[in-house]
Protein backbone atom coordinates (compact mmCIF):
# COMPACT_ATOMS: atom_id res chain seq x y z
CA MET A 1 -2.31 17.87 -6.27
CA ARG A 2 -0.05 16.90 -9.17
CA ASP A 3 -1.39 14.64 -11.95
CA THR A 4 0.99 11.88 -10.85
CA GLU A 5 -0.61 11.99 -7.41
CA LYS A 6 -4.06 11.34 -8.95
CA LYS A 7 -3.09 8.28 -11.00
CA GLU A 8 -4.33 4.95 -9.67
CA TYR A 9 -1.83 2.19 -10.33
CA THR A 10 -2.31 -1.44 -11.28
CA LEU A 11 -0.17 -4.23 -9.86
CA ASP A 12 1.79 -4.47 -13.11
CA GLU A 13 2.85 -0.81 -12.84
CA LEU A 14 4.23 -1.05 -9.29
CA TYR A 15 7.89 -1.64 -8.48
CA ASN A 16 10.16 -1.45 -5.43
CA GLY A 17 11.50 2.06 -4.92
CA MET A 18 8.44 3.73 -6.45
CA GLN A 19 6.99 6.73 -4.58
CA VAL A 20 3.20 6.32 -4.20
CA ARG A 21 0.22 7.36 -2.12
CA GLU A 22 -2.12 4.89 -0.46
CA SER A 23 -5.07 6.25 -2.45
CA GLN A 24 -3.27 5.34 -5.68
CA LEU A 25 -3.33 1.67 -4.69
CA SER A 26 -7.09 1.31 -4.31
CA ASN A 27 -7.33 -0.89 -7.43
CA VAL A 28 -4.69 -3.39 -6.28
CA TYR A 29 -6.37 -6.32 -4.51
CA ASN A 30 -5.22 -9.31 -2.47
CA ILE A 31 -1.57 -8.20 -2.54
CA HIS A 32 0.53 -6.98 0.37
CA ILE A 33 2.30 -3.70 -0.27
CA VAL A 34 4.65 -2.25 2.33
CA LEU A 35 5.59 1.42 2.12
CA VAL A 36 8.74 2.58 3.88
CA ASN A 37 9.57 6.10 4.99
CA SER A 38 5.84 6.76 4.90
CA PHE A 39 4.22 9.94 6.12
CA LEU A 40 0.83 11.63 6.30
CA THR A 41 0.31 14.22 3.57
CA GLU A 42 -1.45 17.55 4.02
CA ASP A 43 -4.61 16.14 2.44
CA GLY A 44 -4.69 13.15 4.82
CA ASP A 45 -3.29 10.53 2.45
CA ILE A 46 -0.29 8.33 3.25
CA GLU A 47 2.74 8.59 1.00
CA GLY A 48 5.84 6.42 0.96
CA THR A 49 8.27 4.33 -1.05
CA VAL A 50 7.27 0.83 -2.11
CA GLY A 51 9.56 -1.56 -0.26
CA PHE A 52 7.71 -4.82 -0.74
CA ILE A 53 5.06 -6.29 -3.04
CA GLY A 54 3.86 -9.86 -2.56
CA SER A 55 0.98 -12.25 -2.10
CA THR A 56 2.16 -13.16 1.41
CA LEU A 57 4.28 -11.42 4.00
CA ASN A 58 7.66 -13.05 4.57
CA SER A 59 11.13 -12.45 5.98
CA GLU A 60 11.79 -9.85 3.27
CA SER A 61 8.76 -7.79 4.30
CA ASN A 62 9.55 -8.27 7.99
CA ARG A 63 13.07 -6.82 7.52
CA LEU A 64 11.49 -3.50 6.52
CA ASN A 65 10.26 -3.00 10.09
CA ARG A 66 13.42 -1.32 11.35
CA ARG A 67 13.64 0.94 14.35
CA GLY A 68 13.09 4.57 13.39
CA VAL A 69 11.62 3.87 9.94
CA MET A 70 7.93 4.58 9.43
CA VAL A 71 6.34 1.60 7.66
CA THR A 72 2.79 1.31 6.32
CA HIS A 73 1.25 -2.02 5.35
CA ILE A 74 -1.48 -1.88 2.67
CA TYR A 75 -3.77 -4.76 1.79
CA ASN A 76 -7.03 -4.24 -0.10
CA GLU A 77 -9.21 -7.33 0.03
CA GLU A 78 -11.29 -7.70 -3.11
CA ALA A 79 -14.10 -9.54 -1.31
CA GLU A 80 -14.67 -6.50 0.91
CA LYS A 81 -15.05 -4.28 -2.14
CA GLU A 82 -17.61 -6.61 -3.63
CA GLY A 83 -19.58 -6.78 -0.38
CA GLU A 84 -18.99 -10.48 0.11
CA ILE A 85 -17.61 -10.22 3.64
CA TYR A 86 -19.97 -9.78 6.56
CA TYR A 87 -18.96 -9.19 10.15
CA ASP A 88 -20.96 -10.42 13.13
CA ASP A 89 -21.56 -7.84 15.82
């Protein structure tokens, strides 16, 4: 794995067109990130190009869902990380 594949990004470092892996976004919370042209890497991670960054999904993010283009939606909820969300069985 290259050093650039190990770096975890902050929201301020992300931009549309940037090539990232899902694991590099684990410190970005409560923000929707849509990766286009995404694929599964040999080590089981998901890699793609950032196509959308926003607090809510909208028509811009919806346009990325085109036929034949693999799209991955990433949303890390901070409350889940902190153990504040509980699910009833």
